[in-house]
């Protein structure tokens, strides 16, 4: 008949379904970084099966395609907004780091010219 799923259950179901391949992807990346190639075959199979599971449920869902697109759009908007909010402080930290270790402007109390000795 007309079954209407619980919103909480639906959110958890699709959240876990989308998160599982990402977790396996992180395991794959970790295995590559640690040169643990013995586990990569297992992890690659898990990624393939998880992605097949996502694809199968996604194809069967009538409204999930629109929700997924909306979720990706909101994530992109949030990521862009966060990047814009944090860029000035990040640039300030990078310039402070560069001036300490790479030259550039002086940040200390001393305004005397520095002597550079090249050997």
PDB file of N, CA and C in Angstrom:
ATOM      1  N   UNK A   1       0.799  -1.179   0.000  1.00  0.00           N
ATOM      2  CA  UNK A   1       0.000   0.000   0.000  1.00  0.00           C
ATOM      3  C   UNK A   1       0.846   1.249   0.000  1.00  0.00           C
ATOM      4  N   UNK A   2       0.347   2.223   0.673  1.00  0.00           N
ATOM      5  CA  UNK A   2       1.011   3.528   0.777  1.00  0.00           C
ATOM      6  C   UNK A   2       1.803   3.605   2.074  1.00  0.00           C
ATOM      7  N   UNK A   3       2.976   3.045   2.064  1.00  0.00           N
ATOM      8  CA  UNK A   3       3.858   3.082   3.232  1.00  0.00           C
ATOM      9  C   UNK A   3       4.651   4.377   3.213  1.00  0.00           C
ATOM     10  N   UNK A   4       4.603   5.110   4.308  1.00  0.00           N
ATOM     11  CA  UNK A   4       5.395   6.327   4.446  1.00  0.00           C
ATOM     12  C   UNK A   4       6.472   6.060   5.498  1.00  0.00           C
ATOM     13  N   UNK A   5       7.746   6.056   5.093  1.00  0.00           N
ATOM     14  CA  UNK A   5       8.807   5.743   6.064  1.00  0.00           C
ATOM     15  C   UNK A   5       8.972   6.860   7.084  1.00  0.00           C
ATOM     16  N   UNK A   6       9.421   6.448   8.256  1.00  0.00           N
ATOM     17  CA  UNK A   6       9.749   7.383   9.321  1.00  0.00           C
ATOM     18  C   UNK A   6      10.924   8.250   8.854  1.00  0.00           C
ATOM     19  N   UNK A   7      10.853   9.552   9.072  1.00  0.00           N
ATOM     20  CA  UNK A   7      11.904  10.473   8.612  1.00  0.00           C
ATOM     21  C   UNK A   7      13.255  10.134   9.251  1.00  0.00           C
ATOM     22  N   UNK A   8      13.253   9.794  10.538  1.00  0.00           N
ATOM     23  CA  UNK A   8      14.488   9.446  11.237  1.00  0.00           C
ATOM     24  C   UNK A   8      15.121   8.201  10.621  1.00  0.00           C
ATOM     25  N   UNK A   9      14.304   7.164  10.408  1.00  0.00           N
ATOM     26  CA  UNK A   9      14.818   5.926   9.817  1.00  0.00           C
ATOM     27  C   UNK A   9      15.337   6.157   8.416  1.00  0.00           C
ATOM     28  N   UNK A  10      14.638   6.946   7.652  1.00  0.00           N
ATOM     29  CA  UNK A  10      15.052   7.228   6.280  1.00  0.00           C
ATOM     30  C   UNK A  10      16.384   7.979   6.254  1.00  0.00           C
ATOM     31  N   UNK A  11      16.531   8.956   7.144  1.00  0.00           N
ATOM     32  CA  UNK A  11      17.776   9.725   7.210  1.00  0.00           C
ATOM     33  C   UNK A  11      18.946   8.829   7.588  1.00  0.00           C
ATOM     34  N   UNK A  12      18.756   7.976   8.588  1.00  0.00           N
ATOM     35  CA  UNK A  12      19.825   7.076   8.999  1.00  0.00           C
ATOM     36  C   UNK A  12      20.166   6.079   7.901  1.00  0.00           C
ATOM     37  N   UNK A  13      19.153   5.524   7.260  1.00  0.00           N
ATOM     38  CA  UNK A  13      19.385   4.544   6.207  1.00  0.00           C
ATOM     39  C   UNK A  13      20.242   5.128   5.099  1.00  0.00           C
ATOM     40  N   UNK A  14      19.830   6.269   4.542  1.00  0.00           N
ATOM     41  CA  UNK A  14      20.560   6.851   3.420  1.00  0.00           C
ATOM     42  C   UNK A  14      21.905   7.404   3.872  1.00  0.00           C
ATOM     43  N   UNK A  15      21.989   7.919   5.082  1.00  0.00           N
ATOM     44  CA  UNK A  15      23.269   8.419   5.598  1.00  0.00           C
ATOM     45  C   UNK A  15      24.304   7.318   5.722  1.00  0.00           C
ATOM     46  N   UNK A  16      23.897   6.192   6.301  1.00  0.00           N
ATOM     47  CA  UNK A  16      24.821   5.061   6.449  1.00  0.00           C
ATOM     48  C   UNK A  16      25.155   4.470   5.080  1.00  0.00           C
ATOM     49  N   UNK A  17      24.160   4.408   4.213  1.00  0.00           N
ATOM     50  CA  UNK A  17      24.387   3.856   2.880  1.00  0.00           C
ATOM     51  C   UNK A  17      25.414   4.675   2.105  1.00  0.00           C
ATOM     52  N   UNK A  18      25.355   6.002   2.205  1.00  0.00           N
ATOM     53  CA  UNK A  18      26.314   6.861   1.502  1.00  0.00           C
ATOM     54  C   UNK A  18      27.670   6.910   2.211  1.00  0.00           C
ATOM     55  N   UNK A  19      27.675   6.762   3.518  1.00  0.00           N
ATOM     56  CA  UNK A  19      28.920   6.881   4.287  1.00  0.00           C
ATOM     57  C   UNK A  19      29.801   5.642   4.161  1.00  0.00           C
ATOM     58  N   UNK A  20      29.194   4.479   4.020  1.00  0.00           N
ATOM     59  CA  UNK A  20      29.959   3.228   3.997  1.00  0.00           C
ATOM     60  C   UNK A  20      31.027   3.191   2.901  1.00  0.00           C
ATOM     61  N   UNK A  21      30.724   3.533   1.645  1.00  0.00           N
ATOM     62  CA  UNK A  21      31.807   3.528   0.645  1.00  0.00           C
ATOM     63  C   UNK A  21      32.910   4.543   0.946  1.00  0.00           C
ATOM     64  N   UNK A  22      32.536   5.665   1.578  1.00  0.00           N
ATOM     65  CA  UNK A  22      33.557   6.654   1.923  1.00  0.00           C
ATOM     66  C   UNK A  22      34.501   6.120   2.997  1.00  0.00           C
ATOM     67  N   UNK A  23      33.963   5.384   3.955  1.00  0.00           N
ATOM     68  CA  UNK A  23      34.806   4.787   5.003  1.00  0.00           C
ATOM     69  C   UNK A  23      35.747   3.752   4.378  1.00  0.00           C
ATOM     70  N   UNK A  24      35.214   2.915   3.482  1.00  0.00           N
ATOM     71  CA  UNK A  24      36.071   1.940   2.806  1.00  0.00           C
ATOM     72  C   UNK A  24      37.119   2.643   1.954  1.00  0.00           C
ATOM     73  N   UNK A  25      36.756   3.772   1.370  1.00  0.00           N
ATOM     74  CA  UNK A  25      37.728   4.562   0.610  1.00  0.00           C
ATOM     75  C   UNK A  25      38.851   5.071   1.497  1.00  0.00           C
ATOM     76  N   UNK A  26      38.506   5.484   2.708  1.00  0.00           N
ATOM     77  CA  UNK A  26      39.531   5.932   3.659  1.00  0.00           C
ATOM     78  C   UNK A  26      40.453   4.766   4.037  1.00  0.00           C
ATOM     79  N   UNK A  27      39.866   3.572   4.227  1.00  0.00           N
ATOM     80  CA  UNK A  27      40.692   2.388   4.504  1.00  0.00           C
ATOM     81  C   UNK A  27      41.615   2.083   3.333  1.00  0.00           C
ATOM     82  N   UNK A  28      41.117   2.258   2.125  1.00  0.00           N
ATOM     83  CA  UNK A  28      41.932   2.022   0.931  1.00  0.00           C
ATOM     84  C   UNK A  28      43.101   3.007   0.892  1.00  0.00           C
ATOM     85  N   UNK A  29      42.813   4.276   1.139  1.00  0.00           N
ATOM     86  CA  UNK A  29      43.866   5.293   1.153  1.00  0.00           C
ATOM     87  C   UNK A  29      44.901   4.979   2.233  1.00  0.00           C
ATOM     88  N   UNK A  30      44.431   4.574   3.416  1.00  0.00           N
ATOM     89  CA  UNK A  30      45.349   4.223   4.505  1.00  0.00           C
ATOM     90  C   UNK A  30      46.210   3.022   4.113  1.00  0.00           C
ATOM     91  N   UNK A  31      45.607   2.028   3.487  1.00  0.00           N
ATOM     92  CA  UNK A  31      46.368   0.854   3.043  1.00  0.00           C
ATOM     93  C   UNK A  31      47.425   1.211   2.023  1.00  0.00           C
ATOM     94  N   UNK A  32      47.084   2.142   1.114  1.00  0.00           N
ATOM     95  CA  UNK A  32      48.072   2.583   0.130  1.00  0.00           C
ATOM     96  C   UNK A  32      49.212   3.349   0.792  1.00  0.00           C
ATOM     97  N   UNK A  33      48.893   4.211   1.736  1.00  0.00           N
ATOM     98  CA  UNK A  33      49.926   5.015   2.402  1.00  0.00           C
ATOM     99  C   UNK A  33      50.848   4.156   3.261  1.00  0.00           C
ATOM    100  N   UNK A  34      50.314   3.091   3.835  1.00  0.00           N
ATOM    101  CA  UNK A  34      51.123   2.209   4.684  1.00  0.00           C
ATOM    102  C   UNK A  34      51.733   1.054   3.887  1.00  0.00           C
ATOM    103  N   UNK A  35      51.516   1.048   2.563  1.00  0.00           N
ATOM    104  CA  UNK A  35      52.004  -0.025   1.705  1.00  0.00           C
ATOM    105  C   UNK A  35      51.536  -1.399   2.174  1.00  0.00           C
ATOM    106  N   UNK A  36      50.297  -1.446   2.669  1.00  0.00           N
ATOM    107  CA  UNK A  36      49.714  -2.700   3.138  1.00  0.00           C
ATOM    108  C   UNK A  36      48.836  -3.261   2.018  1.00  0.00           C
ATOM    109  N   UNK A  37      49.493  -3.785   0.986  1.00  0.00           N
ATOM    110  CA  UNK A  37      48.799  -4.215  -0.214  1.00  0.00           C
ATOM    111  C   UNK A  37      48.009  -5.503  -0.014  1.00  0.00           C
ATOM    112  N   UNK A  38      48.320  -6.274   1.015  1.00  0.00           N
ATOM    113  CA  UNK A  38      47.588  -7.510   1.285  1.00  0.00           C
ATOM    114  C   UNK A  38      46.130  -7.264   1.609  1.00  0.00           C
ATOM    115  N   UNK A  39      45.837  -6.151   2.280  1.00  0.00           N
ATOM    116  CA  UNK A  39      44.462  -5.834   2.645  1.00  0.00           C
ATOM    117  C   UNK A  39      43.724  -5.093   1.545  1.00  0.00           C
ATOM    118  N   UNK A  40      44.422  -4.588   0.562  1.00  0.00           N
ATOM    119  CA  UNK A  40      43.772  -3.785  -0.474  1.00  0.00           C
ATOM    120  C   UNK A  40      42.762  -4.585  -1.298  1.00  0.00           C
ATOM    121  N   UNK A  41      43.010  -5.866  -1.518  1.00  0.00           N
ATOM    122  CA  UNK A  41      42.059  -6.665  -2.294  1.00  0.00           C
ATOM    123  C   UNK A  41      40.726  -6.749  -1.556  1.00  0.00           C
ATOM    124  N   UNK A  42      40.775  -6.928  -0.246  1.00  0.00           N
ATOM    125  CA  UNK A  42      39.552  -6.974   0.567  1.00  0.00           C
ATOM    126  C   UNK A  42      38.852  -5.627   0.551  1.00  0.00           C
ATOM    127  N   UNK A  43      39.628  -4.568   0.722  1.00  0.00           N
ATOM    128  CA  UNK A  43      39.062  -3.224   0.760  1.00  0.00           C
ATOM    129  C   UNK A  43      38.461  -2.858  -0.600  1.00  0.00           C
ATOM    130  N   UNK A  44      39.128  -3.218  -1.692  1.00  0.00           N
ATOM    131  CA  UNK A  44      38.599  -2.912  -3.021  1.00  0.00           C
ATOM    132  C   UNK A  44      37.294  -3.661  -3.300  1.00  0.00           C
ATOM    133  N   UNK A  45      37.211  -4.923  -2.845  1.00  0.00           N
ATOM    134  CA  UNK A  45      35.948  -5.645  -2.978  1.00  0.00           C
ATOM    135  C   UNK A  45      34.853  -4.978  -2.148  1.00  0.00           C
ATOM    136  N   UNK A  46      35.201  -4.544  -0.941  1.00  0.00           N
ATOM    137  CA  UNK A  46      34.215  -3.878  -0.081  1.00  0.00           C
ATOM    138  C   UNK A  46      33.726  -2.573  -0.715  1.00  0.00           C
ATOM    139  N   UNK A  47      34.638  -1.834  -1.329  1.00  0.00           N
ATOM    140  CA  UNK A  47      34.246  -0.595  -2.013  1.00  0.00           C
ATOM    141  C   UNK A  47      33.299  -0.921  -3.170  1.00  0.00           C
ATOM    142  N   UNK A  48      33.649  -1.929  -3.954  1.00  0.00           N
ATOM    143  CA  UNK A  48      32.814  -2.297  -5.097  1.00  0.00           C
ATOM    144  C   UNK A  48      31.421  -2.731  -4.644  1.00  0.00           C
ATOM    145  N   UNK A  49      31.339  -3.543  -3.599  1.00  0.00           N
ATOM    146  CA  UNK A  49      30.041  -4.008  -3.114  1.00  0.00           C
ATOM    147  C   UNK A  49      29.233  -2.877  -2.481  1.00  0.00           C
ATOM    148  N   UNK A  50      29.901  -2.002  -1.753  1.00  0.00           N
ATOM    149  CA  UNK A  50      29.203  -0.865  -1.144  1.00  0.00           C
ATOM    150  C   UNK A  50      28.663   0.077  -2.210  1.00  0.00           C
ATOM    151  N   UNK A  51      29.458   0.329  -3.225  1.00  0.00           N
ATOM    152  CA  UNK A  51      29.005   1.208  -4.310  1.00  0.00           C
ATOM    153  C   UNK A  51      27.863   0.561  -5.086  1.00  0.00           C
ATOM    154  N   UNK A  52      27.922  -0.756  -5.290  1.00  0.00           N
ATOM    155  CA  UNK A  52      26.821  -1.454  -5.958  1.00  0.00           C
ATOM    156  C   UNK A  52      25.545  -1.362  -5.129  1.00  0.00           C
ATOM    157  N   UNK A  53      25.688  -1.459  -3.825  1.00  0.00           N
ATOM    158  CA  UNK A  53      24.550  -1.336  -2.917  1.00  0.00           C
ATOM    159  C   UNK A  53      23.934   0.067  -3.019  1.00  0.00           C
ATOM    160  N   UNK A  54      24.771   1.083  -2.989  1.00  0.00           N
ATOM    161  CA  UNK A  54      24.285   2.464  -3.114  1.00  0.00           C
ATOM    162  C   UNK A  54      23.579   2.645  -4.453  1.00  0.00           C
ATOM    163  N   UNK A  55      24.202   2.168  -5.516  1.00  0.00           N
ATOM    164  CA  UNK A  55      23.626   2.331  -6.844  1.00  0.00           C
ATOM    165  C   UNK A  55      22.269   1.623  -6.959  1.00  0.00           C
ATOM    166  N   UNK A  56      22.183   0.423  -6.425  1.00  0.00           N
ATOM    167  CA  UNK A  56      20.937  -0.335  -6.479  1.00  0.00           C
ATOM    168  C   UNK A  56      19.804   0.349  -5.737  1.00  0.00           C
ATOM    169  N   UNK A  57      20.066   0.769  -4.505  1.00  0.00           N
ATOM    170  CA  UNK A  57      19.024   1.458  -3.738  1.00  0.00           C
ATOM    171  C   UNK A  57      18.687   2.807  -4.363  1.00  0.00           C
ATOM    172  N   UNK A  58      19.699   3.469  -4.884  1.00  0.00           N
ATOM    173  CA  UNK A  58      19.479   4.788  -5.487  1.00  0.00           C
ATOM    174  C   UNK A  58      18.597   4.677  -6.713  1.00  0.00           C
ATOM    175  N   UNK A  59      18.801   3.648  -7.526  1.00  0.00           N
ATOM    176  CA  UNK A  59      17.976   3.435  -8.710  1.00  0.00           C
ATOM    177  C   UNK A  59      16.532   3.092  -8.339  1.00  0.00           C
ATOM    178  N   UNK A  60      16.355   2.391  -7.222  1.00  0.00           N
ATOM    179  CA  UNK A  60      15.012   1.997  -6.805  1.00  0.00           C
ATOM    180  C   UNK A  60      14.239   3.138  -6.141  1.00  0.00           C
ATOM    181  N   UNK A  61      14.941   4.112  -5.614  1.00  0.00           N
ATOM    182  CA  UNK A  61      14.281   5.210  -4.912  1.00  0.00           C
ATOM    183  C   UNK A  61      13.733   6.215  -5.910  1.00  0.00           C
ATOM    184  N   UNK A  62      12.511   6.643  -5.688  1.00  0.00           N
ATOM    185  CA  UNK A  62      11.879   7.603  -6.596  1.00  0.00           C
ATOM    186  C   UNK A  62      12.364   9.029  -6.347  1.00  0.00           C
ATOM    187  N   UNK A  63      12.519   9.362  -5.093  1.00  0.00           N
ATOM    188  CA  UNK A  63      12.839  10.756  -4.769  1.00  0.00           C
ATOM    189  C   UNK A  63      14.275  10.954  -4.309  1.00  0.00           C
ATOM    190  N   UNK A  64      15.066   9.898  -4.235  1.00  0.00           N
ATOM    191  CA  UNK A  64      16.412  10.034  -3.687  1.00  0.00           C
ATOM    192  C   UNK A  64      17.347  10.791  -4.629  1.00  0.00           C
ATOM    193  N   UNK A  65      17.116  10.711  -5.919  1.00  0.00           N
ATOM    194  CA  UNK A  65      17.965  11.424  -6.872  1.00  0.00           C
ATOM    195  C   UNK A  65      17.894  12.925  -6.636  1.00  0.00           C
ATOM    196  N   UNK A  66      16.694  13.445  -6.433  1.00  0.00           N
ATOM    197  CA  UNK A  66      16.539  14.881  -6.170  1.00  0.00           C
ATOM    198  C   UNK A  66      17.130  15.255  -4.819  1.00  0.00           C
ATOM    199  N   UNK A  67      16.939  14.409  -3.812  1.00  0.00           N
ATOM    200  CA  UNK A  67      17.482  14.696  -2.478  1.00  0.00           C
ATOM    201  C   UNK A  67      19.009  14.665  -2.491  1.00  0.00           C
ATOM    202  N   UNK A  68      19.581  13.700  -3.218  1.00  0.00           N
ATOM    203  CA  UNK A  68      21.044  13.603  -3.300  1.00  0.00           C
ATOM    204  C   UNK A  68      21.613  14.847  -3.977  1.00  0.00           C
ATOM    205  N   UNK A  69      20.987  15.279  -5.053  1.00  0.00           N
ATOM    206  CA  UNK A  69      21.430  16.478  -5.753  1.00  0.00           C
ATOM    207  C   UNK A  69      21.344  17.701  -4.840  1.00  0.00           C
ATOM    208  N   UNK A  70      20.243  17.801  -4.090  1.00  0.00           N
ATOM    209  CA  UNK A  70      20.074  18.913  -3.146  1.00  0.00           C
ATOM    210  C   UNK A  70      21.133  18.851  -2.045  1.00  0.00           C
ATOM    211  N   UNK A  71      21.426  17.648  -1.531  1.00  0.00           N
ATOM    212  CA  UNK A  71      22.434  17.485  -0.488  1.00  0.00           C
ATOM    213  C   UNK A  71      23.817  17.903  -0.998  1.00  0.00           C
ATOM    214  N   UNK A  72      24.150  17.523  -2.229  1.00  0.00           N
ATOM    215  CA  UNK A  72      25.445  17.896  -2.801  1.00  0.00           C
ATOM    216  C   UNK A  72      25.531  19.410  -2.996  1.00  0.00           C
ATOM    217  N   UNK A  73      24.447  20.042  -3.420  1.00  0.00           N
ATOM    218  CA  UNK A  73      24.425  21.489  -3.606  1.00  0.00           C
ATOM    219  C   UNK A  73      24.615  22.201  -2.272  1.00  0.00           C
ATOM    220  N   UNK A  74      23.902  21.737  -1.239  1.00  0.00           N
ATOM    221  CA  UNK A  74      24.040  22.353   0.081  1.00  0.00           C
ATOM    222  C   UNK A  74      25.451  22.163   0.619  1.00  0.00           C
ATOM    223  N   UNK A  75      26.038  20.992   0.397  1.00  0.00           N
ATOM    224  CA  UNK A  75      27.404  20.743   0.848  1.00  0.00           C
ATOM    225  C   UNK A  75      28.404  21.647   0.147  1.00  0.00           C
ATOM    226  N   UNK A  76      28.204  21.849  -1.159  1.00  0.00           N
ATOM    227  CA  UNK A  76      29.095  22.732  -1.910  1.00  0.00           C
ATOM    228  C   UNK A  76      28.951  24.178  -1.433  1.00  0.00           C
ATOM    229  N   UNK A  77      27.720  24.607  -1.172  1.00  0.00           N
ATOM    230  CA  UNK A  77      27.505  25.971  -0.680  1.00  0.00           C
ATOM    231  C   UNK A  77      28.122  26.160   0.702  1.00  0.00           C
ATOM    232  N   UNK A  78      27.965  25.155   1.573  1.00  0.00           N
ATOM    233  CA  UNK A  78      28.544  25.245   2.905  1.00  0.00           C
ATOM    234  C   UNK A  78      30.073  25.259   2.831  1.00  0.00           C
ATOM    235  N   UNK A  79      30.631  24.402   1.991  1.00  0.00           N
ATOM    236  CA  UNK A  79      32.093  24.346   1.856  1.00  0.00           C
ATOM    237  C   UNK A  79      32.657  25.653   1.325  1.00  0.00           C
ATOM    238  N   UNK A  80      31.988  26.243   0.329  1.00  0.00           N
ATOM    239  CA  UNK A  80      32.449  27.525  -0.217  1.00  0.00           C
ATOM    240  C   UNK A  80      32.337  28.622   0.832  1.00  0.00           C
ATOM    241  N   UNK A  81      31.240  28.619   1.587  1.00  0.00           N
ATOM    242  CA  UNK A  81      31.073  29.633   2.640  1.00  0.00           C
ATOM    243  C   UNK A  81      32.120  29.487   3.731  1.00  0.00           C
ATOM    244  N   UNK A  82      32.415  28.253   4.125  1.00  0.00           N
ATOM    245  CA  UNK A  82      33.433  28.017   5.152  1.00  0.00           C
ATOM    246  C   UNK A  82      34.801  28.447   4.650  1.00  0.00           C
ATOM    247  N   UNK A  83      35.097  28.166   3.391  1.00  0.00           N
ATOM    248  CA  UNK A  83      36.393  28.561   2.830  1.00  0.00           C
ATOM    249  C   UNK A  83      36.525  30.077   2.824  1.00  0.00           C
ATOM    250  N   UNK A  84      35.460  30.768   2.464  1.00  0.00           N
ATOM    251  CA  UNK A  84      35.518  32.235   2.448  1.00  0.00           C
ATOM    252  C   UNK A  84      35.635  32.814   3.845  1.00  0.00           C
ATOM    253  N   UNK A  85      34.975  32.185   4.814  1.00  0.00           N
ATOM    254  CA  UNK A  85      35.056  32.678   6.201  1.00  0.00           C
ATOM    255  C   UNK A  85      36.444  32.478   6.788  1.00  0.00           C
ATOM    256  N   UNK A  86      37.116  31.390   6.430  1.00  0.00           N
ATOM    257  CA  UNK A  86      38.397  31.054   7.055  1.00  0.00           C
ATOM    258  C   UNK A  86      39.605  31.503   6.241  1.00  0.00           C
ATOM    259  N   UNK A  87      39.413  31.982   5.027  1.00  0.00           N
ATOM    260  CA  UNK A  87      40.538  32.369   4.179  1.00  0.00           C
ATOM    261  C   UNK A  87      41.354  33.513   4.764  1.00  0.00           C
ATOM    262  N   UNK A  88      40.746  34.616   5.263  1.00  0.00           N
ATOM    263  CA  UNK A  88      41.584  35.696   5.803  1.00  0.00           C
ATOM    264  C   UNK A  88      42.467  35.249   6.959  1.00  0.00           C
ATOM    265  N   UNK A  89      41.929  34.456   7.884  1.00  0.00           N
ATOM    266  CA  UNK A  89      42.759  34.020   9.004  1.00  0.00           C
ATOM    267  C   UNK A  89      43.829  33.041   8.528  1.00  0.00           C
ATOM    268  N   UNK A  90      43.505  32.212   7.542  1.00  0.00           N
ATOM    269  CA  UNK A  90      44.490  31.265   7.015  1.00  0.00           C
ATOM    270  C   UNK A  90      45.613  31.999   6.306  1.00  0.00           C
ATOM    271  N   UNK A  91      45.289  33.018   5.529  1.00  0.00           N
ATOM    272  CA  UNK A  91      46.316  33.800   4.838  1.00  0.00           C
ATOM    273  C   UNK A  91      47.196  34.519   5.856  1.00  0.00           C
ATOM    274  N   UNK A  92      46.581  35.041   6.912  1.00  0.00           N
ATOM    275  CA  UNK A  92      47.364  35.693   7.966  1.00  0.00           C
ATOM    276  C   UNK A  92      48.325  34.735   8.646  1.00  0.00           C
ATOM    277  N   UNK A  93      47.861  33.524   8.918  1.00  0.00           N
ATOM    278  CA  UNK A  93      48.736  32.523   9.547  1.00  0.00           C
ATOM    279  C   UNK A  93      49.859  32.114   8.607  1.00  0.00           C
ATOM    280  N   UNK A  94      49.533  31.963   7.318  1.00  0.00           N
ATOM    281  CA  UNK A  94      50.558  31.577   6.356  1.00  0.00           C
ATOM    282  C   UNK A  94      51.601  32.673   6.186  1.00  0.00           C
ATOM    283  N   UNK A  95      51.187  33.930   6.180  1.00  0.00           N
ATOM    284  CA  UNK A  95      52.159  35.011   6.032  1.00  0.00           C
ATOM    285  C   UNK A  95      53.021  35.140   7.267  1.00  0.00           C
ATOM    286  N   UNK A  96      52.446  34.896   8.446  1.00  0.00           N
ATOM    287  CA  UNK A  96      53.239  34.915   9.674  1.00  0.00           C
ATOM    288  C   UNK A  96      54.279  33.799   9.644  1.00  0.00           C
ATOM    289  N   UNK A  97      53.861  32.608   9.220  1.00  0.00           N
ATOM    290  CA  UNK A  97      54.784  31.479   9.123  1.00  0.00           C
ATOM    291  C   UNK A  97      55.885  31.777   8.111  1.00  0.00           C
ATOM    292  N   UNK A  98      55.510  32.337   6.965  1.00  0.00           N
ATOM    293  CA  UNK A  98      56.492  32.637   5.919  1.00  0.00           C
ATOM    294  C   UNK A  98      57.474  33.697   6.384  1.00  0.00           C
ATOM    295  N   UNK A  99      56.991  34.682   7.116  1.00  0.00           N
ATOM    296  CA  UNK A  99      57.897  35.738   7.564  1.00  0.00           C
ATOM    297  C   UNK A  99      58.859  35.229   8.631  1.00  0.00           C
ATOM    298  N   UNK A 100      58.453  34.250   9.408  1.00  0.00           N
ATOM    299  CA  UNK A 100      59.340  33.697  10.427  1.00  0.00           C
ATOM    300  C   UNK A 100      60.420  32.819   9.827  1.00  0.00           C
ATOM    301  N   UNK A 101      60.034  31.999   8.850  1.00  0.00           N
ATOM    302  CA  UNK A 101      60.953  30.980   8.364  1.00  0.00           C
ATOM    303  C   UNK A 101      61.458  31.217   6.950  1.00  0.00           C
ATOM    304  N   UNK A 102      60.819  32.090   6.224  1.00  0.00           N
ATOM    305  CA  UNK A 102      61.224  32.245   4.847  1.00  0.00           C
ATOM    306  C   UNK A 102      61.597  33.663   4.463  1.00  0.00           C
ATOM    307  N   UNK A 103      61.713  34.536   5.432  1.00  0.00           N
ATOM    308  CA  UNK A 103      62.006  35.925   5.102  1.00  0.00           C
ATOM    309  C   UNK A 103      60.726  36.704   4.977  1.00  0.00           C
ATOM    310  N   UNK A 104      60.703  37.672   4.108  1.00  0.00           N
ATOM    311  CA  UNK A 104      59.501  38.487   3.956  1.00  0.00           C
ATOM    312  C   UNK A 104      59.534  39.634   4.941  1.00  0.00           C
ATOM    313  N   UNK A 105      58.398  40.017   5.436  1.00  0.00           N
ATOM    314  CA  UNK A 105      58.304  41.123   6.395  1.00  0.00           C
ATOM    315  C   UNK A 105      58.765  40.706   7.762  1.00  0.00           C
ATOM    316  N   UNK A 106      59.101  41.698   8.576  1.00  0.00           N
ATOM    317  CA  UNK A 106      59.538  41.418   9.931  1.00  0.00           C
ATOM    318  C   UNK A 106      58.323  41.456  10.843  1.00  0.00           C
ATOM    319  N   UNK A 107      58.247  40.479  11.765  1.00  0.00           N
ATOM    320  CA  UNK A 107      57.138  40.461  12.701  1.00  0.00           C
ATOM    321  C   UNK A 107      57.600  40.711  14.119  1.00  0.00           C
ATOM    322  N   UNK A 108      58.905  40.741  14.354  1.00  0.00           N
ATOM    323  CA  UNK A 108      59.416  40.920  15.710  1.00  0.00           C
ATOM    324  C   UNK A 108      59.467  42.384  16.096  1.00  0.00           C
ATOM    325  N   UNK A 109      59.945  42.642  17.312  1.00  0.00           N
ATOM    326  CA  UNK A 109      60.026  44.009  17.805  1.00  0.00           C
ATOM    327  C   UNK A 109      61.219  44.744  17.201  1.00  0.00           C
ATOM    328  N   UNK A 110      62.180  43.994  16.665  1.00  0.00           N
ATOM    329  CA  UNK A 110      63.383  44.607  16.120  1.00  0.00           C
ATOM    330  C   UNK A 110      63.100  45.148  14.715  1.00  0.00           C
ATOM    331  N   UNK A 111      63.424  46.429  14.509  1.00  0.00           N
ATOM    332  CA  UNK A 111      63.255  47.035  13.194  1.00  0.00           C
ATOM    333  C   UNK A 111      64.604  47.291  12.539  1.00  0.00           C
ATOM    334  N   UNK A 112      65.668  46.665  13.066  1.00  0.00           N
ATOM    335  CA  UNK A 112      67.001  46.847  12.515  1.00  0.00           C
ATOM    336  C   UNK A 112      67.143  45.975  11.258  1.00  0.00           C
ATOM    337  N   UNK A 113      67.930  46.428  10.313  1.00  0.00           N
ATOM    338  CA  UNK A 113      68.135  45.615   9.114  1.00  0.00           C
ATOM    339  C   UNK A 113      68.845  44.310   9.480  1.00  0.00           C
ATOM    340  N   UNK A 114      68.461  43.256   8.801  1.00  0.00           N
ATOM    341  CA  UNK A 114      69.096  41.962   9.031  1.00  0.00           C
ATOM    342  C   UNK A 114      70.284  41.802   8.119  1.00  0.00           C
ATOM    343  N   UNK A 115      71.312  41.149   8.649  1.00  0.00           N
ATOM    344  CA  UNK A 115      72.479  40.864   7.827  1.00  0.00           C
ATOM    345  C   UNK A 115      72.344  39.444   7.294  1.00  0.00           C
ATOM    346  N   UNK A 116      72.457  39.314   6.000  1.00  0.00           N
ATOM    347  CA  UNK A 116      72.422  37.999   5.371  1.00  0.00           C
ATOM    348  C   UNK A 116      73.844  37.593   5.028  1.00  0.00           C
ATOM    349  N   UNK A 117      74.259  36.458   5.532  1.00  0.00           N
ATOM    350  CA  UNK A 117      75.583  35.929   5.246  1.00  0.00           C
ATOM    351  C   UNK A 117      75.414  34.703   4.393  1.00  0.00           C
ATOM    352  N   UNK A 118      75.967  34.767   3.198  1.00  0.00           N
ATOM    353  CA  UNK A 118      75.876  33.618   2.306  1.00  0.00           C
ATOM    354  C   UNK A 118      77.243  32.967   2.247  1.00  0.00           C
ATOM    355  N   UNK A 119      77.267  31.678   2.450  1.00  0.00           N
ATOM    356  CA  UNK A 119      78.523  30.941   2.462  1.00  0.00           C
ATOM    357  C   UNK A 119      78.636  30.101   1.236  1.00  0.00           C
TER     358      UNK A 119
END
